[in-house]
């Protein structure tokens, strides 16, 4: 009987369960986050966090102890070389479980388990627990000054000369000059025709 036993066997024998947790731990160390069921994530957390604590002290004994569980050289190297240095200032709580809903097939509750220090959006920075931005109160005078500065900057930007507009104006002026020159040349080249008033009309002798 299992009276008072809170350990979740996950419906597997011990060999199968240990192999599954070792594979999940290697995937978590390699990819920094994995998607699984909530029951498996809760079982993985007490399995992998003591290994992360050991990775803070990079000794041969700790490496061999972790390797006896993971049986993966690449995962052990990643854990001690990168993850251990990343979580060196954290006194525990290296993983986070984020629930994502229910699986369509069997309605199992799903989640994402990830390393806390590798999620910059939630941690607010690499390894820093205090990523909140300080809020300060500003007086009305400061707000008025800031608004005046913004208005001045807007006016100066509007008054700035647009190089494209200058080029367009120059082209228009040049076209007008060329057209005026053509008209002047045509008027000079055309012969003067005498007007009707200036021409002498012959008078008949009576």
Protein backbone atom coordinates (compact mmCIF):
# COMPACT_ATOMS: atom_id res chain seq x y z
CA UNK A 1 0.00 0.00 0.00
CA UNK A 2 1.07 3.58 -0.63
CA UNK A 3 -0.34 5.25 2.47
CA UNK A 4 1.21 8.71 2.90
CA UNK A 5 3.51 8.34 -0.10
CA UNK A 6 3.44 11.58 -2.10
CA UNK A 7 5.86 10.48 -4.79
CA UNK A 8 4.28 10.45 -8.28
CA UNK A 9 5.22 7.26 -10.08
CA UNK A 10 3.81 8.65 -13.36
CA UNK A 11 2.36 5.23 -14.24
CA UNK A 12 5.81 3.78 -14.95
CA UNK A 13 8.27 1.36 -13.42
CA UNK A 14 11.36 2.79 -11.77
CA UNK A 15 13.73 2.12 -14.70
CA UNK A 16 11.36 3.67 -17.20
CA UNK A 17 10.70 6.66 -14.94
CA UNK A 18 14.40 7.34 -14.30
CA UNK A 19 15.23 7.14 -18.01
CA UNK A 20 12.37 9.51 -18.86
CA UNK A 21 13.40 12.07 -16.23
CA UNK A 22 17.04 11.87 -17.36
CA UNK A 23 16.01 12.55 -20.97
CA UNK A 24 13.78 15.43 -19.92
CA UNK A 25 16.57 16.91 -17.80
CA UNK A 26 19.01 16.72 -20.75
CA UNK A 27 16.48 18.42 -23.02
CA UNK A 28 15.85 21.15 -20.44
CA UNK A 29 19.57 21.80 -20.03
CA UNK A 30 20.14 21.89 -23.78
CA UNK A 31 17.10 23.92 -24.89
CA UNK A 32 16.48 25.87 -21.63
CA UNK A 33 12.71 25.19 -21.89
CA UNK A 34 10.52 22.23 -22.79
CA UNK A 35 6.79 21.64 -23.14
CA UNK A 36 5.31 18.74 -21.16
CA UNK A 37 2.48 17.84 -18.82
CA UNK A 38 2.18 19.44 -15.42
CA UNK A 39 2.63 16.10 -13.64
CA UNK A 40 5.92 15.39 -15.45
CA UNK A 41 7.14 18.96 -14.89
CA UNK A 42 6.47 18.70 -11.15
CA UNK A 43 8.38 15.42 -11.07
CA UNK A 44 11.25 16.88 -13.11
CA UNK A 45 11.77 19.91 -10.89
CA UNK A 46 13.11 18.07 -7.77
CA UNK A 47 15.11 15.82 -10.10
CA UNK A 48 17.02 18.50 -12.02
CA UNK A 49 17.42 21.32 -9.49
CA UNK A 50 19.91 19.46 -7.23
CA UNK A 51 22.04 18.89 -10.34
CA UNK A 52 21.97 22.60 -11.13
CA UNK A 53 23.06 23.30 -7.55
CA UNK A 54 26.00 20.93 -8.01
CA UNK A 55 26.95 22.69 -11.25
CA UNK A 56 27.85 25.82 -9.28
CA UNK A 57 30.95 24.01 -7.97
CA UNK A 58 32.81 22.72 -11.00
CA UNK A 59 34.70 19.73 -9.64
CA UNK A 60 35.39 16.30 -11.04
CA UNK A 61 33.37 14.67 -8.29
CA UNK A 62 30.30 16.79 -9.05
CA UNK A 63 30.63 16.14 -12.77
CA UNK A 64 30.78 12.37 -12.22
CA UNK A 65 27.82 12.48 -9.85
CA UNK A 66 25.68 14.37 -12.36
CA UNK A 67 26.83 12.11 -15.20
CA UNK A 68 25.67 9.05 -13.23
CA UNK A 69 22.13 10.42 -13.53
CA UNK A 70 22.12 12.02 -16.99
CA UNK A 71 24.44 9.65 -18.90
CA UNK A 72 25.07 12.41 -21.44
CA UNK A 73 28.46 14.09 -21.81
CA UNK A 74 27.16 17.05 -23.84
CA UNK A 75 24.46 17.82 -21.29
CA UNK A 76 26.95 17.64 -18.41
CA UNK A 77 29.35 19.96 -20.25
CA UNK A 78 26.55 22.44 -21.00
CA UNK A 79 25.35 22.30 -17.40
CA UNK A 80 28.72 22.99 -15.78
CA UNK A 81 30.18 25.39 -18.36
CA UNK A 82 27.19 27.61 -19.12
CA UNK A 83 24.22 27.00 -16.83
CA UNK A 84 26.30 26.84 -13.65
CA UNK A 85 27.90 30.21 -14.36
CA UNK A 86 24.54 31.73 -15.27
CA UNK A 87 22.80 30.73 -12.02
CA UNK A 88 25.79 31.24 -9.73
CA UNK A 89 24.14 34.15 -7.89
CA UNK A 90 20.73 32.45 -7.46
CA UNK A 91 20.21 30.57 -4.15
CA UNK A 92 17.66 28.13 -5.57
CA UNK A 93 14.45 28.03 -7.57
CA UNK A 94 16.14 27.57 -10.93
CA UNK A 95 13.05 26.44 -12.85
CA UNK A 96 9.64 27.92 -13.57
CA UNK A 97 6.39 26.19 -14.62
CA UNK A 98 4.02 28.11 -16.89
CA UNK A 99 0.67 26.43 -17.58
CA UNK A 100 -0.40 26.56 -21.23
CA UNK A 101 -3.82 24.87 -21.26
CA UNK A 102 -5.08 21.37 -22.00
CA UNK A 103 -4.04 18.85 -24.64
CA UNK A 104 -6.68 18.10 -27.24
CA UNK A 105 -6.30 14.32 -27.29
CA UNK A 106 -6.70 13.41 -23.62
CA UNK A 107 -7.28 16.84 -21.99
CA UNK A 108 -4.02 16.54 -20.04
CA UNK A 109 -2.93 19.79 -18.43
CA UNK A 110 0.09 21.10 -20.34
CA UNK A 111 2.80 23.51 -19.31
CA UNK A 112 6.23 24.88 -20.14
CA UNK A 113 9.07 24.29 -17.69
CA UNK A 114 12.04 26.58 -18.22
CA UNK A 115 15.19 27.84 -16.56
CA UNK A 116 14.41 31.11 -14.82
CA UNK A 117 17.59 32.97 -15.76
CA UNK A 118 17.17 32.32 -19.49
CA UNK A 119 13.83 34.11 -19.88
CA UNK A 120 14.75 37.78 -20.23
CA UNK A 121 11.11 38.90 -20.48
CA UNK A 122 10.11 37.58 -17.06
CA UNK A 123 13.40 37.91 -15.20
CA UNK A 124 14.08 41.48 -16.39
CA UNK A 125 17.72 40.83 -17.22
CA UNK A 126 20.44 38.21 -17.15
CA UNK A 127 20.57 36.84 -13.61
CA UNK A 128 19.17 39.97 -12.03
CA UNK A 129 16.12 39.54 -9.86
CA UNK A 130 15.29 43.26 -9.74
CA UNK A 131 14.52 44.23 -13.31
CA UNK A 132 11.74 46.67 -12.42
CA UNK A 133 12.04 50.23 -13.62
CA UNK A 134 12.00 52.87 -10.90
CA UNK A 135 9.06 55.26 -11.01
CA UNK A 136 9.54 58.85 -9.90
CA UNK A 137 6.96 61.55 -9.39
CA UNK A 138 7.34 64.67 -11.49
CA UNK A 139 5.93 68.06 -10.65
CA UNK A 140 3.67 69.99 -13.01
CA UNK A 141 6.40 72.52 -13.77
CA UNK A 142 8.69 69.77 -15.04
CA UNK A 143 5.90 68.36 -17.16
CA UNK A 144 5.22 71.84 -18.60
CA UNK A 145 8.91 72.31 -19.39
CA UNK A 146 9.02 68.93 -21.09
CA UNK A 147 5.95 69.79 -23.17
CA UNK A 148 7.50 73.13 -24.17
CA UNK A 149 10.72 71.39 -25.20
CA UNK A 150 8.75 68.91 -27.30
CA UNK A 151 6.84 71.75 -28.99
CA UNK A 152 10.09 73.61 -29.73
CA UNK A 153 11.64 70.46 -31.17
CA UNK A 154 8.58 69.93 -33.37
CA UNK A 155 8.68 73.52 -34.66
CA UNK A 156 12.38 73.33 -35.41
CA UNK A 157 11.88 70.07 -37.26
CA UNK A 158 9.07 71.63 -39.30
CA UNK A 159 11.21 74.67 -40.07
CA UNK A 160 14.12 72.53 -41.21
CA UNK A 161 14.76 72.72 -44.94
CA UNK A 162 13.77 69.67 -46.89
CA UNK A 163 16.48 68.91 -49.47
CA UNK A 164 13.97 67.26 -51.79
CA UNK A 165 11.80 70.40 -51.83
CA UNK A 166 14.87 72.54 -52.59
CA UNK A 167 15.77 70.34 -55.54
CA UNK A 168 12.22 70.51 -56.90
CA UNK A 169 12.17 74.32 -56.64
CA UNK A 170 15.54 74.59 -58.38
CA UNK A 171 14.33 72.37 -61.23
CA UNK A 172 11.18 74.46 -61.67
CA UNK A 173 13.20 77.71 -61.75
CA UNK A 174 15.57 76.26 -64.32
CA UNK A 175 12.68 75.14 -66.55
CA UNK A 176 11.13 78.61 -66.39
CA UNK A 177 14.46 80.22 -67.33
CA UNK A 178 14.86 77.89 -70.31
CA UNK A 179 11.32 78.59 -71.50
CA UNK A 180 11.85 82.38 -71.24
CA UNK A 181 15.07 82.09 -73.20
CA UNK A 182 13.38 80.12 -75.99
CA UNK A 183 10.59 82.69 -76.28
CA UNK A 184 13.10 85.57 -76.49
CA UNK A 185 15.08 83.81 -79.22
CA UNK A 186 11.94 83.21 -81.28
CA UNK A 187 10.87 86.86 -81.04
CA UNK A 188 14.32 88.08 -82.13
CA UNK A 189 14.45 85.72 -85.11
CA UNK A 190 10.97 86.55 -86.42
CA UNK A 191 10.88 89.38 -89.12
CA UNK A 192 8.95 92.49 -88.31
CA UNK A 193 5.72 92.78 -90.29
CA UNK A 194 4.59 96.31 -91.05
CA UNK A 195 1.28 97.29 -89.60
CA UNK A 196 -1.69 98.46 -91.67
CA UNK A 197 -1.45 102.02 -90.45
CA UNK A 198 2.24 102.36 -91.33
CA UNK A 199 1.82 101.06 -94.90
CA UNK A 200 1.23 103.75 -97.52
CA UNK A 201 -1.99 103.29 -99.49
CA UNK A 202 -1.76 104.39 -103.14
CA UNK A 203 -4.00 107.32 -104.04
CA UNK A 204 -5.73 107.47 -107.36
CA UNK A 205 -5.25 110.64 -109.39
CA UNK A 206 -8.55 112.29 -110.16
